[in-house]
């Protein structure tokens, strides 16, 4: 009876071990510097930051992505793939460009939120969520051309008046 109990206990332990999800690497600390950037319609802004590994093991940075709350903004993770290392050893960090946001020509002024996400893990085939950071994009209106023309005229007015008095 004791032998049957121990056998069942052993089988239960083995089953539980295989039923557990694969162990994930600890997350990467993602710090954006700054968290909020502004740009005009038709422009692109670059977010930089620091990725820090304090997990106790090497973590592979296999992918990056994210989402934005406004369809007239487009997240581009090309800077991550061209600049960030493939992995971070324990206690190391990367500092540099992470992603860009393209602002459409028809984007309305306002502040819009987004989320940058890293995927990876303990090996090059892992795509677990290992870190993320929230960010904001403020779309500022582009000054109308007539406004700029008016400013230019006002700036030239003293020169024209001086020439006429001479």
Foldseek 3Di string as FASTA:
>chain_A
DVVVVVVVVVVVVVVVVVPDDDDWFAAWEWQWVVQEDEDAAQDKAWIWTKTAAQRQAKWFFQDKDKDKPDPQKDKAQVCQVVAPDRIDGHGDMDTTTGIMIHGHNPDDFDKIKMKMWTATGRDNVGGHTRDMDMGMYGHDYDDDPVVVVVVVCVVCVVVVVVVVVD
